[in-house]
Amino acid sequence: VQLVESGGDLVQAGGSLRLSCAASGRGFSVATMGWYRQAPGKQRVLVALITSGGSTTYGDSVKGRFTISRDNAKNTVYLQMNSLKPEDTAVYYCAAYITDTTNRVLSYWGQGTQVTVSS
């Protein structure tokens, strides 16, 4: 599975962005997909997850502002980010988790896309 993120940009506080993650290869429809972010000097943290069945999980700092969704027909997962704050500035990474036939969970990562929120 290969993942390519897009949509990162410079935006003013209070603005919105939508990130996209296009997946190629087999297994997207059964994969749990996630968005993570890493700010300079900080650890990578979970932003949101979505299972193959559409169940979602969000990090506390983005609840109510960000929405994760997926389009299995397009092999794409999205992150709609509203009411952006300067502290949302980070490199955002897309991840895919696929369980293989031996029940191992394999993880795949994109290269990241920069989101910068100015105050």
N, C-alpha and C. Protein backbone atom coordinates (compact mmCIF):
# COMPACT_ATOMS: atom_id res chain seq x y z
N VAL A 1 0.85 -1.19 0.00
CA VAL A 1 0.00 0.00 0.00
C VAL A 1 0.88 1.24 0.00
N GLN A 2 0.61 2.15 -0.91
CA GLN A 2 1.30 3.44 -0.93
C GLN A 2 0.30 4.53 -0.65
N LEU A 3 0.72 5.51 0.14
CA LEU A 3 -0.16 6.59 0.56
C LEU A 3 0.44 7.92 0.14
N VAL A 4 -0.37 8.78 -0.44
CA VAL A 4 0.08 10.11 -0.86
C VAL A 4 -0.89 11.15 -0.31
N GLU A 5 -0.37 12.00 0.57
CA GLU A 5 -1.19 13.07 1.14
C GLU A 5 -1.12 14.32 0.27
N SER A 6 -2.17 15.11 0.35
CA SER A 6 -2.21 16.41 -0.32
C SER A 6 -3.16 17.31 0.43
N GLY A 7 -3.08 18.60 0.12
CA GLY A 7 -4.02 19.55 0.69
C GLY A 7 -3.43 20.45 1.75
N GLY A 8 -2.22 20.18 2.19
CA GLY A 8 -1.60 21.05 3.17
C GLY A 8 -1.35 22.44 2.60
N ASP A 9 -1.42 23.44 3.48
CA ASP A 9 -1.29 24.82 3.00
C ASP A 9 -1.07 25.74 4.18
N LEU A 10 -0.88 27.01 3.88
CA LEU A 10 -0.83 28.07 4.88
C LEU A 10 -2.22 28.69 4.95
N VAL A 11 -2.76 28.77 6.15
CA VAL A 11 -4.11 29.30 6.33
C VAL A 11 -4.16 30.14 7.60
N GLN A 12 -5.06 31.11 7.62
CA GLN A 12 -5.20 31.94 8.81
C GLN A 12 -6.01 31.22 9.88
N ALA A 13 -5.76 31.61 11.12
CA ALA A 13 -6.53 31.05 12.21
C ALA A 13 -8.03 31.26 11.97
N GLY A 14 -8.81 30.22 12.28
CA GLY A 14 -10.25 30.27 12.04
C GLY A 14 -10.64 29.72 10.68
N GLY A 15 -9.67 29.50 9.83
CA GLY A 15 -9.94 28.99 8.50
C GLY A 15 -10.10 27.47 8.46
N SER A 16 -10.25 26.96 7.24
CA SER A 16 -10.48 25.53 7.04
C SER A 16 -9.55 24.99 5.96
N LEU A 17 -9.27 23.72 6.06
CA LEU A 17 -8.53 22.99 5.03
C LEU A 17 -9.08 21.58 4.97
N ARG A 18 -8.95 20.96 3.80
CA ARG A 18 -9.28 19.55 3.69
C ARG A 18 -8.06 18.81 3.16
N LEU A 19 -7.58 17.86 3.93
CA LEU A 19 -6.49 17.01 3.51
C LEU A 19 -7.03 15.76 2.86
N SER A 20 -6.29 15.26 1.88
CA SER A 20 -6.65 14.02 1.21
C SER A 20 -5.48 13.05 1.28
N CYS A 21 -5.81 11.78 1.33
CA CYS A 21 -4.78 10.73 1.32
C CYS A 21 -5.24 9.67 0.33
N ALA A 22 -4.54 9.58 -0.78
CA ALA A 22 -4.88 8.62 -1.82
C ALA A 22 -4.03 7.37 -1.63
N ALA A 23 -4.70 6.24 -1.60
CA ALA A 23 -4.02 4.96 -1.40
C ALA A 23 -3.99 4.15 -2.68
N SER A 24 -2.89 3.50 -2.92
CA SER A 24 -2.78 2.57 -4.04
C SER A 24 -2.37 1.21 -3.49
N GLY A 25 -2.71 0.17 -4.22
CA GLY A 25 -2.44 -1.17 -3.74
C GLY A 25 -3.69 -1.81 -3.18
N ARG A 26 -3.54 -3.03 -2.73
CA ARG A 26 -4.70 -3.79 -2.27
C ARG A 26 -4.96 -3.56 -0.79
N GLY A 27 -6.20 -3.67 -0.43
CA GLY A 27 -6.54 -3.70 0.99
C GLY A 27 -7.13 -2.44 1.56
N PHE A 28 -7.29 -1.40 0.74
CA PHE A 28 -7.77 -0.13 1.31
C PHE A 28 -9.12 -0.29 1.99
N SER A 29 -10.03 -0.99 1.33
CA SER A 29 -11.40 -1.05 1.84
C SER A 29 -11.48 -1.73 3.21
N VAL A 30 -10.51 -2.56 3.54
CA VAL A 30 -10.56 -3.25 4.82
C VAL A 30 -9.61 -2.63 5.83
N ALA A 31 -8.93 -1.59 5.44
CA ALA A 31 -7.92 -0.98 6.31
C ALA A 31 -8.54 0.04 7.25
N THR A 32 -8.00 0.09 8.45
CA THR A 32 -8.25 1.24 9.31
C THR A 32 -7.30 2.34 8.88
N MET A 33 -7.83 3.51 8.66
CA MET A 33 -7.04 4.64 8.18
C MET A 33 -6.94 5.69 9.27
N GLY A 34 -5.82 6.39 9.27
CA GLY A 34 -5.65 7.39 10.31
C GLY A 34 -4.87 8.60 9.83
N TRP A 35 -5.07 9.69 10.54
CA TRP A 35 -4.27 10.90 10.37
C TRP A 35 -3.53 11.17 11.69
N TYR A 36 -2.28 11.48 11.54
CA TYR A 36 -1.43 11.85 12.68
C TYR A 36 -0.77 13.18 12.34
N ARG A 37 -0.25 13.84 13.35
CA ARG A 37 0.50 15.07 13.08
C ARG A 37 1.70 15.16 14.00
N GLN A 38 2.69 15.87 13.50
CA GLN A 38 3.92 16.06 14.26
C GLN A 38 4.37 17.50 14.12
N ALA A 39 4.38 18.20 15.24
CA ALA A 39 4.86 19.57 15.28
C ALA A 39 6.36 19.56 15.55
N PRO A 40 7.06 20.64 15.18
CA PRO A 40 8.51 20.68 15.41
C PRO A 40 8.87 20.44 16.87
N GLY A 41 9.78 19.51 17.09
CA GLY A 41 10.23 19.22 18.43
C GLY A 41 9.29 18.40 19.27
N LYS A 42 8.21 17.92 18.67
CA LYS A 42 7.22 17.16 19.44
C LYS A 42 7.03 15.78 18.82
N GLN A 43 6.40 14.90 19.59
CA GLN A 43 6.13 13.56 19.10
C GLN A 43 4.96 13.56 18.13
N ARG A 44 4.93 12.55 17.29
CA ARG A 44 3.78 12.37 16.41
C ARG A 44 2.60 11.89 17.25
N VAL A 45 1.44 12.51 17.02
CA VAL A 45 0.26 12.19 17.81
C VAL A 45 -0.93 11.89 16.89
N LEU A 46 -1.85 11.13 17.43
CA LEU A 46 -3.05 10.78 16.70
C LEU A 46 -3.96 11.99 16.53
N VAL A 47 -4.47 12.17 15.32
CA VAL A 47 -5.48 13.18 15.06
C VAL A 47 -6.85 12.51 14.95
N ALA A 48 -6.94 11.49 14.08
CA ALA A 48 -8.22 10.81 13.88
C ALA A 48 -7.99 9.46 13.23
N LEU A 49 -8.91 8.53 13.51
CA LEU A 49 -8.92 7.21 12.91
C LEU A 49 -10.29 6.92 12.36
N ILE A 50 -10.35 6.11 11.30
CA ILE A 50 -11.63 5.63 10.79
C ILE A 50 -11.44 4.17 10.39
N THR A 51 -12.35 3.33 10.87
CA THR A 51 -12.27 1.90 10.56
C THR A 51 -12.91 1.62 9.20
N SER A 52 -12.77 0.39 8.76
CA SER A 52 -13.38 0.01 7.49
C SER A 52 -14.91 0.14 7.56
N GLY A 53 -15.46 0.01 8.76
CA GLY A 53 -16.90 0.14 8.93
C GLY A 53 -17.38 1.55 9.15
N GLY A 54 -16.43 2.49 9.23
CA GLY A 54 -16.80 3.90 9.36
C GLY A 54 -16.80 4.44 10.78
N SER A 55 -16.41 3.63 11.75
CA SER A 55 -16.31 4.14 13.11
C SER A 55 -15.11 5.08 13.22
N THR A 56 -15.28 6.15 13.99
CA THR A 56 -14.23 7.16 14.06
C THR A 56 -13.78 7.41 15.49
N THR A 57 -12.54 7.83 15.61
CA THR A 57 -11.93 8.22 16.87
C THR A 57 -11.15 9.49 16.62
N TYR A 58 -11.20 10.42 17.59
CA TYR A 58 -10.49 11.69 17.43
C TYR A 58 -9.63 11.98 18.65
N GLY A 59 -8.53 12.68 18.37
CA GLY A 59 -7.74 13.20 19.47
C GLY A 59 -8.51 14.30 20.18
N ASP A 60 -8.26 14.46 21.48
CA ASP A 60 -9.04 15.42 22.26
C ASP A 60 -8.93 16.84 21.72
N SER A 61 -7.77 17.20 21.21
CA SER A 61 -7.55 18.59 20.80
C SER A 61 -8.29 18.95 19.51
N VAL A 62 -8.81 17.98 18.78
CA VAL A 62 -9.46 18.28 17.51
C VAL A 62 -10.95 17.92 17.50
N LYS A 63 -11.42 17.33 18.58
CA LYS A 63 -12.84 16.94 18.63
C LYS A 63 -13.73 18.15 18.40
N GLY A 64 -14.71 17.96 17.54
CA GLY A 64 -15.65 19.02 17.24
C GLY A 64 -15.18 19.97 16.15
N ARG A 65 -13.92 19.87 15.76
CA ARG A 65 -13.39 20.76 14.72
C ARG A 65 -12.97 20.00 13.46
N PHE A 66 -12.46 18.79 13.65
CA PHE A 66 -11.98 18.00 12.52
C PHE A 66 -12.92 16.82 12.27
N THR A 67 -13.03 16.43 11.01
CA THR A 67 -13.84 15.27 10.63
C THR A 67 -13.06 14.39 9.66
N ILE A 68 -12.96 13.12 10.00
CA ILE A 68 -12.32 12.15 9.10
C ILE A 68 -13.40 11.41 8.34
N SER A 69 -13.14 11.14 7.07
CA SER A 69 -14.08 10.39 6.26
C SER A 69 -13.30 9.59 5.22
N ARG A 70 -13.97 8.68 4.58
CA ARG A 70 -13.31 7.87 3.56
C ARG A 70 -14.26 7.60 2.41
N ASP A 71 -13.66 7.41 1.24
CA ASP A 71 -14.39 7.04 0.04
C ASP A 71 -13.70 5.81 -0.52
N ASN A 72 -14.27 4.64 -0.23
CA ASN A 72 -13.62 3.40 -0.64
C ASN A 72 -13.58 3.25 -2.16
N ALA A 73 -14.54 3.83 -2.85
CA ALA A 73 -14.54 3.75 -4.32
C ALA A 73 -13.35 4.50 -4.90
N LYS A 74 -12.88 5.52 -4.18
CA LYS A 74 -11.75 6.31 -4.66
C LYS A 74 -10.46 5.99 -3.92
N ASN A 75 -10.52 5.03 -3.00
CA ASN A 75 -9.33 4.67 -2.20
C ASN A 75 -8.73 5.91 -1.55
N THR A 76 -9.58 6.73 -0.99
CA THR A 76 -9.13 8.01 -0.43
C THR A 76 -9.74 8.24 0.94
N VAL A 77 -8.92 8.78 1.83
CA VAL A 77 -9.41 9.20 3.14
C VAL A 77 -9.17 10.71 3.25
N TYR A 78 -10.09 11.38 3.92
CA TYR A 78 -10.06 12.84 4.01
C TYR A 78 -10.00 13.28 5.47
N LEU A 79 -9.48 14.45 5.66
CA LEU A 79 -9.53 15.10 6.96
C LEU A 79 -9.99 16.53 6.75
N GLN A 80 -11.23 16.80 7.12
CA GLN A 80 -11.77 18.16 7.05
C GLN A 80 -11.42 18.87 8.35
N MET A 81 -10.70 19.97 8.24
CA MET A 81 -10.24 20.70 9.41
C MET A 81 -10.87 22.09 9.41
N ASN A 82 -11.67 22.36 10.42
CA ASN A 82 -12.34 23.65 10.57
C ASN A 82 -11.85 24.35 11.82
N SER A 83 -12.12 25.65 11.88
CA SER A 83 -11.73 26.45 13.05
C SER A 83 -10.27 26.20 13.43
N LEU A 84 -9.42 26.29 12.45
CA LEU A 84 -8.02 25.98 12.67
C LEU A 84 -7.37 26.98 13.62
N LYS A 85 -6.44 26.47 14.42
CA LYS A 85 -5.71 27.26 15.40
C LYS A 85 -4.21 27.19 15.10
N PRO A 86 -3.46 28.18 15.55
CA PRO A 86 -2.00 28.11 15.33
C PRO A 86 -1.38 26.82 15.87
N GLU A 87 -1.93 26.29 16.93
CA GLU A 87 -1.39 25.05 17.50
C GLU A 87 -1.69 23.82 16.66
N ASP A 88 -2.47 23.98 15.61
CA ASP A 88 -2.69 22.87 14.67
C ASP A 88 -1.55 22.78 13.65
N THR A 89 -0.65 23.75 13.67
CA THR A 89 0.47 23.74 12.75
C THR A 89 1.33 22.50 12.97
N ALA A 90 1.54 21.74 11.89
CA ALA A 90 2.30 20.49 11.99
C ALA A 90 2.41 19.86 10.60
N VAL A 91 3.22 18.84 10.52
CA VAL A 91 3.19 17.97 9.35
C VAL A 91 2.16 16.88 9.64
N TYR A 92 1.23 16.71 8.72
CA TYR A 92 0.16 15.74 8.88
C TYR A 92 0.47 14.50 8.04
N TYR A 93 0.38 13.36 8.70
CA TYR A 93 0.69 12.08 8.06
C TYR A 93 -0.54 11.20 7.98
N CYS A 94 -0.66 10.51 6.87
CA CYS A 94 -1.71 9.52 6.69
C CYS A 94 -1.13 8.13 7.00
N ALA A 95 -1.93 7.30 7.62
CA ALA A 95 -1.50 5.94 7.95
C ALA A 95 -2.58 4.94 7.60
N ALA A 96 -2.16 3.74 7.26
CA ALA A 96 -3.09 2.64 6.98
C ALA A 96 -2.66 1.42 7.79
N TYR A 97 -3.64 0.77 8.39
CA TYR A 97 -3.39 -0.45 9.17
C TYR A 97 -4.19 -1.58 8.55
N ILE A 98 -3.47 -2.63 8.13
CA ILE A 98 -4.11 -3.76 7.48
C ILE A 98 -3.68 -5.03 8.20
N THR A 99 -4.66 -5.87 8.52
CA THR A 99 -4.36 -7.15 9.17
C THR A 99 -4.18 -8.21 8.09
N ASP A 100 -3.02 -8.90 8.11
CA ASP A 100 -2.77 -9.89 7.07
C ASP A 100 -3.38 -11.24 7.46
N THR A 101 -3.14 -12.25 6.63
CA THR A 101 -3.78 -13.54 6.83
C THR A 101 -3.29 -14.27 8.08
N THR A 102 -2.16 -13.79 8.64
CA THR A 102 -1.66 -14.39 9.88
C THR A 102 -2.01 -13.54 11.09
N ASN A 103 -2.90 -12.59 10.88
CA ASN A 103 -3.37 -11.68 11.93
C ASN A 103 -2.32 -10.69 12.41
N ARG A 104 -1.28 -10.50 11.63
CA ARG A 104 -0.34 -9.42 11.92
C ARG A 104 -0.94 -8.11 11.40
N VAL A 105 -0.72 -7.05 12.17
CA VAL A 105 -1.18 -5.74 11.72
C VAL A 105 -0.01 -5.03 11.05
N LEU A 106 -0.18 -4.74 9.78
CA LEU A 106 0.85 -4.06 9.00
C LEU A 106 0.48 -2.58 8.92
N SER A 107 1.47 -1.73 9.06
CA SER A 107 1.20 -0.29 8.99
C SER A 107 1.96 0.33 7.83
N TYR A 108 1.32 1.30 7.22
CA TYR A 108 1.89 2.02 6.09
C TYR A 108 1.73 3.51 6.34
N TRP A 109 2.70 4.31 5.88
CA TRP A 109 2.68 5.74 6.14
C TRP A 109 2.94 6.53 4.86
N GLY A 110 2.30 7.69 4.78
CA GLY A 110 2.58 8.62 3.72
C GLY A 110 3.77 9.49 4.07
N GLN A 111 4.10 10.40 3.15
CA GLN A 111 5.29 11.24 3.33
C GLN A 111 5.00 12.50 4.12
N GLY A 112 3.74 12.81 4.32
CA GLY A 112 3.36 13.97 5.11
C GLY A 112 3.05 15.19 4.26
N THR A 113 2.20 16.05 4.81
CA THR A 113 1.87 17.32 4.16
C THR A 113 1.85 18.40 5.24
N GLN A 114 2.42 19.55 4.92
CA GLN A 114 2.59 20.62 5.91
C GLN A 114 1.32 21.46 6.01
N VAL A 115 0.86 21.64 7.23
CA VAL A 115 -0.23 22.57 7.52
C VAL A 115 0.33 23.65 8.44
N THR A 116 0.18 24.90 8.03
CA THR A 116 0.64 26.02 8.83
C THR A 116 -0.53 26.97 9.05
N VAL A 117 -0.80 27.27 10.31
CA VAL A 117 -1.90 28.15 10.66
C VAL A 117 -1.31 29.41 11.28
N SER A 118 -1.56 30.52 10.64
CA SER A 118 -1.03 31.80 11.13
C SER A 118 -2.03 32.48 12.05
N SER A 119 -1.51 33.20 13.02
CA SER A 119 -2.39 33.88 13.98
C SER A 119 -2.78 35.27 13.51
